[in-house]
Amino acid sequence: MEYKIAVDTMGGDHAPAEIVKGAIKAMEDNDLLEVILVGDENLIKQILEEEKCDKDIEVVHTDEWIGMD
């Protein structure tokens, strides 16, 4: 059985880098996990490349998000 989760990459401290790195780590730790990253596609893909991610991670682009204020 696979588990699929969608993750908002634009919220939280040090976003989106730390969120993307966490998603990569979660997939490395669990072969049954499928991750969908939601946020700025260009930023997410840049981080995935920098991290040399070889996992098949779906990215859903959005250019709108709700800020903390």
N, C-alpha and C. Protein backbone atom coordinates (compact mmCIF):
# COMPACT_ATOMS: atom_id res chain seq x y z
N MET A 1 0.83 -1.17 0.00
CA MET A 1 0.00 0.00 0.00
C MET A 1 0.88 1.25 0.00
N GLU A 2 0.62 2.15 -0.94
CA GLU A 2 1.37 3.41 -1.00
C GLU A 2 0.62 4.49 -0.24
N TYR A 3 1.38 5.46 0.24
CA TYR A 3 0.82 6.61 0.94
C TYR A 3 1.15 7.85 0.12
N LYS A 4 0.15 8.66 -0.18
CA LYS A 4 0.34 9.87 -0.95
C LYS A 4 0.00 11.07 -0.08
N ILE A 5 0.95 12.03 -0.02
CA ILE A 5 0.69 13.25 0.73
C ILE A 5 1.03 14.46 -0.13
N ALA A 6 0.29 15.53 0.08
CA ALA A 6 0.58 16.81 -0.55
C ALA A 6 1.14 17.73 0.53
N VAL A 7 2.20 18.45 0.18
CA VAL A 7 2.88 19.28 1.16
C VAL A 7 2.95 20.71 0.64
N ASP A 8 2.50 21.66 1.47
CA ASP A 8 2.63 23.09 1.17
C ASP A 8 4.08 23.48 1.45
N THR A 9 4.81 23.84 0.41
CA THR A 9 6.22 24.17 0.58
C THR A 9 6.47 25.63 0.92
N MET A 10 5.45 26.46 0.83
CA MET A 10 5.66 27.89 0.98
C MET A 10 5.43 28.40 2.39
N GLY A 11 4.99 27.56 3.29
CA GLY A 11 4.74 27.99 4.66
C GLY A 11 5.80 27.46 5.60
N GLY A 12 6.00 28.15 6.69
CA GLY A 12 6.94 27.68 7.70
C GLY A 12 8.28 28.39 7.64
N ASP A 13 9.06 28.14 8.66
CA ASP A 13 10.40 28.74 8.73
C ASP A 13 11.31 28.15 7.66
N HIS A 14 12.07 29.01 7.01
CA HIS A 14 13.06 28.62 6.01
C HIS A 14 12.43 27.93 4.79
N ALA A 15 11.20 28.30 4.51
CA ALA A 15 10.50 27.74 3.34
C ALA A 15 11.02 28.38 2.06
N PRO A 16 11.02 27.71 0.95
CA PRO A 16 10.59 26.34 0.77
C PRO A 16 11.71 25.31 0.93
N ALA A 17 12.95 25.76 1.10
CA ALA A 17 14.09 24.84 1.08
C ALA A 17 13.98 23.73 2.13
N GLU A 18 13.71 24.08 3.38
CA GLU A 18 13.69 23.06 4.43
C GLU A 18 12.52 22.10 4.26
N ILE A 19 11.41 22.59 3.74
CA ILE A 19 10.25 21.73 3.52
C ILE A 19 10.55 20.72 2.42
N VAL A 20 11.17 21.19 1.34
CA VAL A 20 11.52 20.30 0.23
C VAL A 20 12.55 19.27 0.69
N LYS A 21 13.55 19.70 1.43
CA LYS A 21 14.55 18.77 1.95
C LYS A 21 13.91 17.72 2.86
N GLY A 22 12.94 18.14 3.66
CA GLY A 22 12.24 17.21 4.54
C GLY A 22 11.44 16.18 3.75
N ALA A 23 10.82 16.62 2.67
CA ALA A 23 10.06 15.70 1.82
C ALA A 23 10.98 14.67 1.17
N ILE A 24 12.13 15.11 0.72
CA ILE A 24 13.11 14.19 0.13
C ILE A 24 13.53 13.16 1.18
N LYS A 25 13.84 13.61 2.38
CA LYS A 25 14.26 12.72 3.45
C LYS A 25 13.17 11.71 3.79
N ALA A 26 11.92 12.18 3.84
CA ALA A 26 10.80 11.28 4.14
C ALA A 26 10.68 10.19 3.09
N MET A 27 10.88 10.55 1.82
CA MET A 27 10.79 9.55 0.75
C MET A 27 11.96 8.57 0.81
N GLU A 28 13.12 9.06 1.22
CA GLU A 28 14.28 8.17 1.37
C GLU A 28 14.05 7.16 2.49
N ASP A 29 13.34 7.60 3.53
CA ASP A 29 13.09 6.75 4.69
C ASP A 29 11.92 5.79 4.50
N ASN A 30 11.06 6.06 3.51
CA ASN A 30 9.87 5.24 3.32
C ASN A 30 9.61 5.04 1.83
N ASP A 31 9.87 3.85 1.32
CA ASP A 31 9.70 3.55 -0.10
C ASP A 31 8.24 3.56 -0.54
N LEU A 32 7.30 3.53 0.39
CA LEU A 32 5.88 3.50 0.04
C LEU A 32 5.25 4.89 0.00
N LEU A 33 6.07 5.92 0.19
CA LEU A 33 5.56 7.28 0.26
C LEU A 33 5.66 7.99 -1.09
N GLU A 34 4.56 8.58 -1.51
CA GLU A 34 4.53 9.42 -2.71
C GLU A 34 4.23 10.84 -2.26
N VAL A 35 5.04 11.80 -2.72
CA VAL A 35 4.91 13.18 -2.26
C VAL A 35 4.56 14.10 -3.42
N ILE A 36 3.64 15.01 -3.15
CA ILE A 36 3.29 16.08 -4.09
C ILE A 36 3.66 17.38 -3.39
N LEU A 37 4.57 18.14 -4.00
CA LEU A 37 4.98 19.42 -3.43
C LEU A 37 4.19 20.54 -4.11
N VAL A 38 3.58 21.39 -3.30
CA VAL A 38 2.74 22.48 -3.79
C VAL A 38 3.40 23.81 -3.45
N GLY A 39 3.58 24.66 -4.48
CA GLY A 39 4.19 25.97 -4.26
C GLY A 39 4.79 26.50 -5.54
N ASP A 40 5.79 27.35 -5.41
CA ASP A 40 6.46 27.96 -6.55
C ASP A 40 7.31 26.90 -7.26
N GLU A 41 6.84 26.48 -8.42
CA GLU A 41 7.48 25.38 -9.15
C GLU A 41 8.95 25.64 -9.44
N ASN A 42 9.30 26.87 -9.83
CA ASN A 42 10.69 27.17 -10.15
C ASN A 42 11.59 27.01 -8.93
N LEU A 43 11.15 27.53 -7.79
CA LEU A 43 11.95 27.40 -6.57
C LEU A 43 12.08 25.94 -6.14
N ILE A 44 10.97 25.21 -6.20
CA ILE A 44 10.98 23.80 -5.78
C ILE A 44 11.92 22.99 -6.66
N LYS A 45 11.80 23.16 -7.97
CA LYS A 45 12.66 22.39 -8.88
C LYS A 45 14.12 22.75 -8.71
N GLN A 46 14.41 24.01 -8.43
CA GLN A 46 15.80 24.43 -8.20
C GLN A 46 16.36 23.71 -6.96
N ILE A 47 15.57 23.64 -5.92
CA ILE A 47 16.02 22.96 -4.69
C ILE A 47 16.20 21.47 -4.94
N LEU A 48 15.27 20.85 -5.66
CA LEU A 48 15.39 19.43 -5.98
C LEU A 48 16.69 19.16 -6.75
N GLU A 49 17.04 20.05 -7.68
CA GLU A 49 18.29 19.90 -8.44
C GLU A 49 19.49 20.08 -7.54
N GLU A 50 19.46 21.10 -6.68
CA GLU A 50 20.58 21.35 -5.77
C GLU A 50 20.81 20.17 -4.83
N GLU A 51 19.73 19.52 -4.44
CA GLU A 51 19.82 18.37 -3.53
C GLU A 51 20.11 17.07 -4.28
N LYS A 52 20.21 17.16 -5.61
CA LYS A 52 20.46 15.99 -6.45
C LYS A 52 19.44 14.88 -6.16
N CYS A 53 18.18 15.29 -6.08
CA CYS A 53 17.10 14.37 -5.76
C CYS A 53 16.83 13.43 -6.93
N ASP A 54 16.84 12.13 -6.66
CA ASP A 54 16.56 11.15 -7.70
C ASP A 54 15.18 10.52 -7.51
N LYS A 55 14.41 11.07 -6.59
CA LYS A 55 13.05 10.58 -6.33
C LYS A 55 12.08 11.21 -7.32
N ASP A 56 11.01 10.48 -7.62
CA ASP A 56 9.97 10.98 -8.52
C ASP A 56 8.97 11.76 -7.69
N ILE A 57 9.17 13.08 -7.62
CA ILE A 57 8.32 13.95 -6.82
C ILE A 57 7.51 14.84 -7.75
N GLU A 58 6.19 14.79 -7.60
CA GLU A 58 5.31 15.64 -8.39
C GLU A 58 5.31 17.04 -7.79
N VAL A 59 5.33 18.06 -8.68
CA VAL A 59 5.28 19.45 -8.24
C VAL A 59 4.04 20.09 -8.83
N VAL A 60 3.23 20.71 -7.97
CA VAL A 60 2.05 21.44 -8.40
C VAL A 60 2.32 22.92 -8.16
N HIS A 61 2.31 23.69 -9.25
CA HIS A 61 2.64 25.12 -9.15
C HIS A 61 1.46 25.94 -8.67
N THR A 62 1.76 26.87 -7.80
CA THR A 62 0.83 27.93 -7.44
C THR A 62 1.63 29.19 -7.23
N ASP A 63 1.09 30.30 -7.73
CA ASP A 63 1.78 31.57 -7.51
C ASP A 63 1.03 32.41 -6.48
N GLU A 64 0.09 31.78 -5.80
CA GLU A 64 -0.65 32.45 -4.73
C GLU A 64 -0.49 31.65 -3.45
N TRP A 65 -0.28 32.36 -2.35
CA TRP A 65 -0.26 31.71 -1.05
C TRP A 65 -0.63 32.73 0.00
N ILE A 66 -1.00 32.26 1.15
CA ILE A 66 -1.43 33.13 2.24
C ILE A 66 -0.26 33.38 3.17
N GLY A 67 0.07 34.63 3.35
CA GLY A 67 1.18 35.00 4.22
C GLY A 67 0.80 34.94 5.69
N MET A 68 1.79 35.04 6.55
CA MET A 68 1.55 34.99 7.99
C MET A 68 0.84 36.24 8.52
N ASP A 69 0.90 37.32 7.75
CA ASP A 69 0.28 38.56 8.21
C ASP A 69 -1.13 38.65 7.70
